[in-house]
Amino acid sequence: MDIDEYEFEEERTHAKVAELLEKLADEIRKGERIELPMPSLREGQIELQLGEPIETGLEVKIRKSTIRVILALRWKRVESMEE
């Protein structure tokens, strides 16, 4: 079994974060797939087939100088017809 993990952090303006979240929301509403940017050392997009239901998790860490909000989405892997 191949397991791929992609993780990265990127600084964005309020407007850019809002655009990313709106794009994800539109793709989730359509219910087919979502596209995410590749980590900065790679080119292109990661395309993920959506399944349902989507489990959600929200974690908030408040420190003296930073706030971290982590939104997690998880669903069963959908095998695409192309494979």
Protein backbone atom coordinates (compact mmCIF):
# COMPACT_ATOMS: atom_id res chain seq x y z
CA MET A 1 0.00 0.00 0.00
CA ASP A 2 1.37 3.41 -0.97
CA ILE A 3 0.81 6.16 1.55
CA ASP A 4 1.69 9.72 0.53
CA GLU A 5 1.87 12.65 2.92
CA TYR A 6 2.11 16.29 1.93
CA GLU A 7 2.52 18.94 4.56
CA PHE A 8 3.60 22.55 4.38
CA GLU A 9 2.99 25.96 5.84
CA GLU A 10 2.69 29.20 3.93
CA GLU A 11 2.07 32.76 5.04
CA ARG A 12 -0.91 34.41 3.33
CA THR A 13 -2.86 37.64 3.65
CA HIS A 14 -6.40 37.63 5.05
CA ALA A 15 -7.76 37.92 1.51
CA LYS A 16 -5.67 34.98 0.22
CA VAL A 17 -6.75 32.75 3.13
CA ALA A 18 -10.39 33.67 2.44
CA GLU A 19 -9.95 32.84 -1.28
CA LEU A 20 -8.45 29.44 -0.44
CA LEU A 21 -11.30 28.61 1.97
CA GLU A 22 -13.95 29.80 -0.52
CA LYS A 23 -12.38 27.65 -3.26
CA LEU A 24 -12.38 24.60 -0.97
CA ALA A 25 -15.99 25.28 0.06
CA ASP A 26 -17.10 25.48 -3.59
CA GLU A 27 -15.31 22.22 -4.43
CA ILE A 28 -16.81 20.45 -1.40
CA ARG A 29 -20.30 21.67 -2.39
CA LYS A 30 -19.81 20.12 -5.84
CA GLY A 31 -18.82 16.90 -4.08
CA GLU A 32 -16.44 15.47 -6.69
CA ARG A 33 -12.88 16.40 -5.76
CA ILE A 34 -10.77 19.09 -4.16
CA GLU A 35 -7.51 20.53 -5.45
CA LEU A 36 -4.81 21.66 -3.07
CA PRO A 37 -1.49 23.35 -3.81
CA MET A 38 1.58 21.13 -3.70
CA PRO A 39 4.21 21.81 -1.06
CA SER A 40 6.55 24.58 -2.13
CA LEU A 41 9.33 22.22 -3.25
CA ARG A 42 7.04 20.57 -5.82
CA GLU A 43 5.05 21.93 -8.74
CA GLY A 44 1.37 21.44 -9.51
CA GLN A 45 -1.74 20.50 -7.56
CA ILE A 46 -2.85 17.59 -5.41
CA GLU A 47 -6.26 16.36 -6.57
CA LEU A 48 -8.29 14.36 -4.04
CA GLN A 49 -11.52 12.48 -4.71
CA LEU A 50 -14.18 13.39 -2.13
CA GLY A 51 -16.08 10.81 -0.15
CA GLU A 52 -18.94 11.20 2.28
CA PRO A 53 -19.46 11.66 5.18
CA ILE A 54 -16.61 14.05 5.94
CA GLU A 55 -15.44 13.94 9.55
CA THR A 56 -14.30 17.32 10.81
CA GLY A 57 -11.99 18.32 13.62
CA LEU A 58 -11.02 21.71 14.95
CA GLU A 59 -8.10 22.33 17.29
CA VAL A 60 -7.20 25.72 18.76
CA LYS A 61 -3.92 26.42 20.58
CA ILE A 62 -3.50 29.81 22.21
CA ARG A 63 -0.01 30.79 23.32
CA LYS A 64 1.49 34.05 24.55
CA SER A 65 2.54 35.22 21.10
CA THR A 66 0.66 32.99 18.62
CA ILE A 67 -2.69 31.40 17.91
CA ARG A 68 -2.86 28.18 15.89
CA VAL A 69 -6.13 26.87 14.43
CA ILE A 70 -5.99 23.45 12.82
CA LEU A 71 -8.93 22.29 10.70
CA ALA A 72 -8.93 18.59 9.87
CA LEU A 73 -11.15 16.92 7.26
CA ARG A 74 -11.26 13.13 6.90
CA TRP A 75 -13.26 10.79 4.68
CA LYS A 76 -12.93 7.27 3.33
CA ARG A 77 -10.72 7.04 0.29
CA VAL A 78 -12.66 6.89 -2.97
CA GLU A 79 -11.08 4.89 -5.78
CA SER A 80 -11.34 6.88 -8.98
CA MET A 81 -12.65 5.28 -12.17
CA GLU A 82 -9.38 6.15 -13.96
CA GLU A 83 -7.21 3.76 -11.89
